[in-house]
Amino acid sequence: MKLYADLPGRRLVQILADLGMVAWVIVWVWVGRRVHDVTMALAEPGRRLEGAGAGLRDRLTSAGNNVDDLPILDDRIAEPFRSAAGAGTSIEDAGRDLVTAVERFALVIGWTTALVPILIIVLWWALARGRFVRRATAAQRFVDADDDLDLFALRAMANQPMAALARVSDDPSGAWRRGDRETIRALALLELKDSGLRPPPALPH
């Protein structure tokens, strides 16, 4: 499997693109984490509400227990305190539910913020890199000798822009049929360059 081009300039661009992809992922993971942390600040009122409800419940329960020990009164005074303590429990539960809802929202928005840009660019990068790897790996099997360039010259005439072909020869197809090695090599170089491959050494004339 051929992961990088033979040509130094293109190989450098590919390496920089790979490093840029890693940096892109790291940056958006950090951004997603920051969004999560900022959103979690919305949970602070819920925590205060939860703490206030717990404190109210504990104080009223304690007051009920204290008056419960008084003679004669039995539960007649303690019971209202204990009933009121239930309101503190309700406030505590409401605060806890608010914190839980904010935590879920922060998790969703944090992951969404990070994953959407990461997946879009990673998908584009994976398609581009996969296309190059497949093309270069397949082409590499045919680049063994100068004689193999006929195939790439033929592909160049089918794939390359007309302007590029005209710069090689006024009659590239005729030169290919005549076996003009210089023109064939020039045509093949166009196709090999697109595949990121070096041509085989030229045979001496």
Protein backbone atom coordinates (compact mmCIF):
# COMPACT_ATOMS: atom_id res chain seq x y z
CA MET A 1 0.00 0.00 0.00
CA LYS A 2 1.38 3.37 -1.01
CA LEU A 3 0.42 6.05 1.49
CA TYR A 4 2.50 8.97 0.24
CA ALA A 5 3.65 10.29 -3.12
CA ASP A 6 7.17 9.80 -4.42
CA LEU A 7 7.37 13.42 -5.54
CA PRO A 8 8.83 15.51 -2.66
CA GLY A 9 6.52 18.50 -3.10
CA ARG A 10 3.34 16.45 -3.17
CA ARG A 11 4.53 14.24 -0.33
CA LEU A 12 5.17 17.32 1.81
CA VAL A 13 1.66 18.61 1.07
CA GLN A 14 0.19 15.23 2.05
CA ILE A 15 2.16 15.11 5.32
CA LEU A 16 1.11 18.68 6.16
CA ALA A 17 -2.51 17.79 5.35
CA ASP A 18 -2.35 14.78 7.69
CA LEU A 19 -0.84 16.89 10.47
CA GLY A 20 -3.44 19.57 9.82
CA MET A 21 -6.16 16.95 10.16
CA VAL A 22 -4.80 15.86 13.54
CA ALA A 23 -4.63 19.51 14.64
CA TRP A 24 -8.20 20.09 13.39
CA VAL A 25 -9.48 17.19 15.48
CA ILE A 26 -7.59 18.36 18.58
CA VAL A 27 -8.88 21.94 18.21
CA TRP A 28 -12.52 20.89 17.84
CA VAL A 29 -12.28 18.43 20.73
CA TRP A 30 -11.02 21.35 22.84
CA VAL A 31 -13.81 23.62 21.55
CA GLY A 32 -16.42 20.96 22.31
CA ARG A 33 -15.02 20.58 25.82
CA ARG A 34 -15.13 24.33 26.37
CA VAL A 35 -18.75 24.50 25.15
CA HIS A 36 -19.60 21.67 27.54
CA ASP A 37 -17.94 23.45 30.47
CA VAL A 38 -19.58 26.80 29.70
CA THR A 39 -22.99 25.16 29.37
CA MET A 40 -22.50 23.38 32.69
CA ALA A 41 -22.40 26.81 34.34
CA LEU A 42 -26.18 26.87 33.78
CA ALA A 43 -26.43 24.07 36.33
CA GLU A 44 -25.23 26.31 39.15
CA PRO A 45 -28.73 27.64 40.05
CA GLY A 46 -29.93 24.04 40.17
CA ARG A 47 -27.12 23.12 42.57
CA ARG A 48 -27.96 26.07 44.80
CA LEU A 49 -31.63 25.09 44.71
CA GLU A 50 -30.73 21.51 45.57
CA GLY A 51 -28.54 22.67 48.46
CA ALA A 52 -31.23 25.07 49.75
CA GLY A 53 -33.88 22.36 49.63
CA ALA A 54 -31.63 19.90 51.49
CA GLY A 55 -30.79 22.52 54.10
CA LEU A 56 -34.45 23.44 54.61
CA ARG A 57 -35.42 19.78 54.92
CA ASP A 58 -32.68 19.09 57.49
CA ARG A 59 -33.50 22.14 59.59
CA LEU A 60 -37.24 21.44 59.67
CA THR A 61 -36.67 17.76 60.40
CA SER A 62 -34.30 18.70 63.21
CA ALA A 63 -36.82 21.18 64.61
CA GLY A 64 -39.53 18.55 64.50
CA ASN A 65 -37.32 16.08 66.35
CA ASN A 66 -36.51 18.66 69.00
CA VAL A 67 -40.13 19.54 69.78
CA ASP A 68 -41.07 15.86 69.63
CA ASP A 69 -39.20 15.37 72.89
CA LEU A 70 -41.33 17.92 74.75
CA PRO A 71 -43.75 16.37 77.26
CA ILE A 72 -47.51 16.61 76.81
CA LEU A 73 -47.35 17.92 73.20
CA ASP A 74 -46.56 14.51 71.67
CA ASP A 75 -46.58 14.79 67.84
CA ARG A 76 -48.97 17.72 67.61
CA ILE A 77 -46.13 20.26 67.22
CA ALA A 78 -43.56 17.99 65.58
CA GLU A 79 -45.81 16.81 62.76
CA PRO A 80 -46.17 20.22 61.02
CA PHE A 81 -42.37 20.60 60.98
CA ARG A 82 -41.97 17.16 59.46
CA SER A 83 -44.63 17.89 56.86
CA ALA A 84 -42.93 21.15 55.97
CA ALA A 85 -39.66 19.24 55.59
CA GLY A 86 -41.29 17.48 52.64
CA ALA A 87 -41.37 20.83 50.84
CA GLY A 88 -37.60 21.03 51.29
CA THR A 89 -37.30 17.57 49.73
CA SER A 90 -39.38 18.73 46.76
CA ILE A 91 -37.14 21.76 46.30
CA GLU A 92 -34.06 19.52 46.51
CA ASP A 93 -35.49 17.15 43.89
CA ALA A 94 -36.33 20.07 41.59
CA GLY A 95 -32.76 21.35 41.85
CA ARG A 96 -31.36 17.88 41.19
CA ASP A 97 -33.61 17.46 38.13
CA LEU A 98 -32.44 20.83 36.78
CA VAL A 99 -28.77 19.84 37.22
CA THR A 100 -29.40 16.51 35.46
CA ALA A 101 -31.14 18.24 32.55
CA VAL A 102 -28.30 20.74 32.15
CA GLU A 103 -25.71 17.94 32.29
CA ARG A 104 -27.48 16.07 29.50
CA PHE A 105 -27.82 19.22 27.40
CA ALA A 106 -24.16 20.14 27.94
CA LEU A 107 -23.09 16.64 26.91
CA VAL A 108 -25.17 16.74 23.72
CA ILE A 109 -24.14 20.24 22.67
CA GLY A 110 -20.49 19.57 23.51
CA TRP A 111 -20.34 16.41 21.41
CA THR A 112 -22.32 18.04 18.58
CA THR A 113 -20.03 21.07 18.51
CA ALA A 114 -16.96 18.84 18.28
CA LEU A 115 -18.19 16.04 16.04
CA VAL A 116 -19.95 17.95 13.24
CA PRO A 117 -16.87 19.85 11.94
CA ILE A 118 -14.60 16.88 12.69
CA LEU A 119 -16.74 14.42 10.72
CA ILE A 120 -17.20 16.76 7.76
CA ILE A 121 -13.47 17.40 7.29
CA VAL A 122 -12.37 13.87 8.24
CA LEU A 123 -14.79 12.42 5.68
CA TRP A 124 -13.41 14.72 2.95
CA TRP A 125 -9.83 13.91 4.01
CA ALA A 126 -10.47 10.15 4.14
CA LEU A 127 -12.03 10.16 0.67
CA ALA A 128 -9.16 12.16 -0.82
CA ARG A 129 -6.46 10.07 0.87
CA GLY A 130 -8.24 6.81 0.05
CA ARG A 131 -8.54 7.81 -3.60
CA PHE A 132 -4.83 8.62 -3.76
CA VAL A 133 -3.80 5.40 -1.98
CA ARG A 134 -5.90 3.25 -4.30
CA ARG A 135 -4.67 5.01 -7.43
CA ALA A 136 -1.00 5.15 -6.43
CA THR A 137 -0.94 1.57 -5.15
CA ALA A 138 -2.49 0.26 -8.36
CA ALA A 139 -0.24 2.38 -10.60
CA GLN A 140 2.92 1.43 -8.69
CA ARG A 141 2.54 -2.20 -9.80
CA PHE A 142 2.96 -1.14 -13.43
CA VAL A 143 5.95 1.18 -13.02
CA ASP A 144 8.80 -1.30 -13.29
CA ALA A 145 10.59 -0.37 -16.49
CA ASP A 146 10.67 2.24 -19.21
CA ASP A 147 8.64 -0.04 -21.47
CA ASP A 148 5.72 0.13 -19.01
CA LEU A 149 5.23 3.81 -19.80
CA ASP A 150 3.10 3.01 -22.85
CA LEU A 151 0.16 2.26 -20.55
CA PHE A 152 0.51 5.57 -18.71
CA ALA A 153 0.93 7.46 -21.97
CA LEU A 154 -2.29 5.92 -23.22
CA ARG A 155 -4.08 6.85 -19.99
CA ALA A 156 -2.70 10.39 -20.27
CA MET A 157 -4.26 10.79 -23.71
CA ALA A 158 -7.59 9.69 -22.23
CA ASN A 159 -7.44 11.64 -18.96
CA GLN A 160 -5.23 14.71 -19.30
CA PRO A 161 -6.49 18.13 -20.50
CA MET A 162 -6.03 18.86 -24.17
CA ALA A 163 -3.82 21.85 -23.36
CA ALA A 164 -1.43 19.63 -21.41
CA LEU A 165 -1.27 17.13 -24.28
CA ALA A 166 -0.62 19.92 -26.79
CA ARG A 167 2.40 21.06 -24.77
CA VAL A 168 3.88 17.57 -25.18
CA SER A 169 3.26 17.11 -28.92
CA ASP A 170 1.20 18.46 -31.78
CA ASP A 171 0.15 14.87 -32.51
CA PRO A 172 0.39 12.84 -29.28
CA SER A 173 -1.70 9.93 -30.50
CA GLY A 174 0.33 9.68 -33.70
CA ALA A 175 3.57 9.81 -31.73
CA TRP A 176 2.26 7.04 -29.47
CA ARG A 177 1.35 4.86 -32.47
CA ARG A 178 4.78 5.46 -34.01
CA GLY A 179 6.45 4.42 -30.76
CA ASP A 180 8.13 7.78 -30.20
CA ARG A 181 9.78 7.00 -26.85
CA GLU A 182 10.45 10.64 -25.96
CA THR A 183 6.83 11.65 -26.49
CA ILE A 184 5.53 8.51 -24.79
CA ARG A 185 7.68 9.24 -21.76
CA ALA A 186 6.50 12.87 -21.65
CA LEU A 187 2.87 11.76 -21.83
CA ALA A 188 3.41 9.13 -19.16
CA LEU A 189 5.01 11.71 -16.87
CA LEU A 190 1.75 13.70 -16.92
CA GLU A 191 -0.21 10.69 -15.67
CA LEU A 192 2.45 9.57 -13.18
CA LYS A 193 2.58 13.07 -11.71
CA ASP A 194 -1.15 12.93 -11.03
CA SER A 195 -0.58 9.59 -9.27
CA GLY A 196 2.32 11.01 -7.27
CA LEU A 197 4.79 8.51 -8.73
CA ARG A 198 8.29 8.81 -10.13
CA PRO A 199 8.88 7.30 -13.56
CA PRO A 200 11.39 4.47 -13.98
CA PRO A 201 14.88 5.49 -15.13
CA ALA A 202 15.05 6.30 -18.82
CA LEU A 203 16.71 3.67 -20.96
CA PRO A 204 19.83 4.80 -22.83
CA HIS A 205 19.32 5.33 -26.54
